[in-house]
Amino acid sequence: MKKYFKIFGWICLGIFLQFKFSVLYGIVFLENLNFHERTYYVRMHIPPSDENVRLLQVETVVHHSLGPDYFANIYIPESYKVLNKKPYLGAEAIKGYQAYKMGMKRKYRDVLAKDDLIITPVQLKADVPSLPVLVHFENMKQRLHIDKTYKLALLNKSLNLEGPREAAATYPQRLGL
């Protein structure tokens, strides 16, 4: 009989600990839902160089995310060629653009991606007007945010990136996003 009470005690302790941790998880979840806004950050930078082949550094962040899966796709105009990545065919096709997938990884409450794209103009002889670089943030259900802040231009055989150091958009939290 003593053995059965011992087993029953361990089972009760396990149920208690399970309940305690799930309640703590619920409190943290509600705190995130009610007091934090979800923010999408995009940072792009081209280090100065005299070469035709340039490095485009792209960083995307979903800050205070509650959803399990986030995806970011970056769309580069077809007048530029990306040398180190293959186009991502699983993204929505946009006329005049090639899609490339960002490797989003969860880190606590944020989902982060950082990628370096080696780009070069397709034709060096003609100037290319400013064309936006599109960044789409999505989850399994819907598109969450589209960023069109940054623009690539080819002037006098020099590739330029126009835009601020960091672009951000903030939305209120909702369940399922």
Protein backbone atom coordinates (compact mmCIF):
# COMPACT_ATOMS: atom_id res chain seq x y z
CA MET A 1 0.00 0.00 0.00
CA LYS A 2 2.91 2.32 0.75
CA LYS A 3 4.22 1.78 -2.79
CA TYR A 4 0.89 2.92 -4.29
CA PHE A 5 0.84 6.14 -2.21
CA LYS A 6 4.40 6.84 -3.33
CA ILE A 7 3.45 6.44 -7.01
CA PHE A 8 0.29 8.49 -6.46
CA GLY A 9 2.39 11.24 -4.84
CA TRP A 10 4.77 11.38 -7.81
CA ILE A 11 1.84 11.58 -10.21
CA CYS A 12 0.28 14.44 -8.20
CA LEU A 13 3.62 16.27 -8.12
CA GLY A 14 3.93 15.89 -11.91
CA ILE A 15 0.41 17.23 -12.46
CA PHE A 16 1.10 20.14 -10.10
CA LEU A 17 4.33 21.06 -11.89
CA GLN A 18 2.63 20.76 -15.27
CA PHE A 19 -0.14 23.10 -14.11
CA LYS A 20 2.32 25.55 -12.59
CA PHE A 21 4.40 25.87 -15.75
CA SER A 22 1.39 26.14 -18.05
CA VAL A 23 -0.04 28.93 -15.89
CA LEU A 24 3.31 30.77 -16.08
CA TYR A 25 3.35 30.27 -19.83
CA GLY A 26 -0.19 31.68 -20.04
CA ILE A 27 0.77 34.75 -18.01
CA VAL A 28 3.78 35.44 -20.24
CA PHE A 29 1.66 34.91 -23.36
CA LEU A 30 -1.02 37.36 -22.18
CA GLU A 31 1.63 39.88 -21.15
CA ASN A 32 3.11 39.72 -24.68
CA LEU A 33 -0.32 40.00 -26.25
CA ASN A 34 -1.53 42.98 -24.24
CA PHE A 35 1.57 45.11 -23.66
CA HIS A 36 3.82 44.69 -26.71
CA GLU A 37 3.34 45.66 -30.30
CA ARG A 38 4.74 43.56 -33.16
CA THR A 39 7.38 45.48 -35.14
CA TYR A 40 8.94 44.60 -38.48
CA TYR A 41 12.48 45.89 -39.05
CA VAL A 42 14.40 45.86 -42.32
CA ARG A 43 18.03 46.97 -42.55
CA MET A 44 19.92 47.07 -45.86
CA HIS A 45 23.43 48.28 -46.54
CA ILE A 46 25.88 48.22 -49.44
CA PRO A 47 29.48 48.78 -48.32
CA PRO A 48 31.34 51.28 -50.54
CA SER A 49 33.34 49.75 -53.36
CA ASP A 50 34.59 50.63 -56.85
CA GLU A 51 33.71 47.23 -58.31
CA ASN A 52 30.68 46.31 -60.41
CA VAL A 53 29.94 43.37 -58.14
CA ARG A 54 28.55 44.62 -54.81
CA LEU A 55 27.55 43.09 -51.51
CA LEU A 56 23.99 43.81 -50.34
CA GLN A 57 23.64 43.10 -46.62
CA VAL A 58 20.01 42.47 -45.62
CA GLU A 59 18.71 41.99 -42.10
CA THR A 60 15.07 41.35 -41.18
CA VAL A 61 13.56 41.21 -37.69
CA VAL A 62 10.06 40.49 -36.43
CA HIS A 63 10.14 41.91 -32.89
CA HIS A 64 7.76 40.56 -30.20
CA SER A 65 6.28 37.87 -32.40
CA LEU A 66 3.74 35.43 -30.98
CA GLY A 67 3.18 33.30 -34.05
CA PRO A 68 5.15 30.10 -34.56
CA ASP A 69 6.29 30.57 -38.15
CA TYR A 70 7.46 33.65 -40.01
CA PHE A 71 8.93 33.83 -43.48
CA ALA A 72 10.61 36.72 -45.24
CA ASN A 73 11.15 36.90 -48.97
CA ILE A 74 13.24 39.59 -50.60
CA TYR A 75 12.48 40.62 -54.18
CA ILE A 76 15.37 42.00 -56.26
CA PRO A 77 14.59 43.70 -59.62
CA GLU A 78 15.43 41.60 -62.68
CA SER A 79 17.85 44.25 -63.91
CA TYR A 80 20.23 42.94 -61.20
CA LYS A 81 21.63 39.44 -60.87
CA VAL A 82 22.30 37.72 -57.52
CA LEU A 83 25.40 35.56 -57.82
CA ASN A 84 25.44 33.64 -54.53
CA LYS A 85 21.79 32.51 -54.23
CA LYS A 86 19.26 30.83 -56.46
CA PRO A 87 15.81 32.39 -56.87
CA TYR A 88 13.15 30.99 -54.54
CA LEU A 89 10.33 29.55 -56.63
CA GLY A 90 8.00 28.98 -53.66
CA ALA A 91 7.23 32.70 -53.28
CA GLU A 92 4.62 34.69 -55.14
CA ALA A 93 5.84 35.67 -58.60
CA ILE A 94 5.99 39.43 -59.15
CA LYS A 95 6.59 40.68 -62.67
CA GLY A 96 10.04 42.25 -63.02
CA TYR A 97 11.40 40.73 -59.77
CA GLN A 98 13.23 37.62 -58.60
CA ALA A 99 12.38 36.29 -55.11
CA TYR A 100 15.00 35.08 -52.61
CA LYS A 101 14.21 33.42 -49.31
CA MET A 102 15.59 34.71 -46.01
CA GLY A 103 16.48 32.08 -43.38
CA MET A 104 14.32 33.22 -40.44
CA LYS A 105 15.30 31.84 -37.01
CA ARG A 106 13.49 32.35 -33.71
CA LYS A 107 15.44 33.91 -30.85
CA TYR A 108 13.28 34.31 -27.73
CA ARG A 109 10.49 36.73 -28.75
CA ASP A 110 12.06 37.79 -32.04
CA VAL A 111 12.43 36.12 -35.42
CA LEU A 112 15.66 37.14 -37.16
CA ALA A 113 17.37 36.70 -40.51
CA LYS A 114 20.61 38.11 -41.85
CA ASP A 115 21.84 37.48 -45.36
CA ASP A 116 24.50 38.79 -47.72
CA LEU A 117 23.61 38.93 -51.41
CA ILE A 118 26.30 39.45 -54.02
CA ILE A 119 24.62 41.49 -56.76
CA THR A 120 25.69 42.87 -60.08
CA PRO A 121 23.80 44.75 -62.80
CA VAL A 122 22.74 42.68 -65.80
CA GLN A 123 23.73 45.46 -68.24
CA LEU A 124 26.47 47.88 -67.26
CA LYS A 125 26.10 50.16 -70.27
CA ALA A 126 22.66 51.60 -69.50
CA ASP A 127 21.61 53.43 -66.35
CA VAL A 128 18.80 51.81 -64.38
CA PRO A 129 16.32 54.12 -62.60
CA SER A 130 15.48 53.62 -58.93
CA LEU A 131 13.53 50.41 -58.42
CA PRO A 132 12.25 49.32 -55.00
CA VAL A 133 13.58 46.23 -53.26
CA LEU A 134 10.52 44.48 -51.84
CA VAL A 135 10.52 42.54 -48.58
CA HIS A 136 7.45 40.43 -47.78
CA PHE A 137 6.84 39.13 -44.25
CA GLU A 138 4.45 36.18 -44.12
CA ASN A 139 3.26 33.41 -41.85
CA MET A 140 1.49 30.19 -42.81
CA LYS A 141 -1.86 31.97 -43.21
CA GLN A 142 -1.28 35.41 -44.70
CA ARG A 143 1.06 38.22 -45.70
CA LEU A 144 1.78 40.35 -42.64
CA HIS A 145 3.81 43.26 -43.97
CA ILE A 146 5.33 44.54 -47.23
CA ASP A 147 8.34 46.86 -47.13
CA LYS A 148 9.17 49.03 -50.17
CA THR A 149 11.49 51.50 -48.45
CA TYR A 150 14.81 50.68 -50.13
CA LYS A 151 15.58 51.34 -53.81
CA LEU A 152 18.41 50.17 -56.04
CA ALA A 153 19.70 52.42 -58.82
CA LEU A 154 22.54 52.14 -61.33
CA LEU A 155 23.96 55.59 -62.18
CA ASN A 156 27.23 56.11 -64.06
CA LYS A 157 28.11 52.40 -63.70
CA SER A 158 27.81 52.69 -59.91
CA LEU A 159 25.26 50.68 -57.93
CA ASN A 160 23.53 52.76 -55.22
CA LEU A 161 21.09 51.86 -52.47
CA GLU A 162 18.64 54.58 -51.48
CA GLY A 163 16.84 54.49 -48.16
CA PRO A 164 17.24 54.98 -44.42
CA ARG A 165 19.54 52.99 -42.17
CA GLU A 166 16.55 51.06 -40.80
CA ALA A 167 12.91 50.81 -41.84
CA ALA A 168 10.31 49.83 -39.24
CA ALA A 169 6.56 49.24 -39.19
CA THR A 170 4.58 48.60 -36.00
CA TYR A 171 1.26 46.80 -35.63
CA PRO A 172 -0.81 45.91 -32.55
CA GLN A 173 -0.64 42.29 -31.40
CA ARG A 174 -3.44 39.91 -32.31
CA LEU A 175 -3.86 36.20 -31.71
CA GLY A 176 -2.57 34.01 -34.52
CA LEU A 177 -0.07 36.47 -36.00
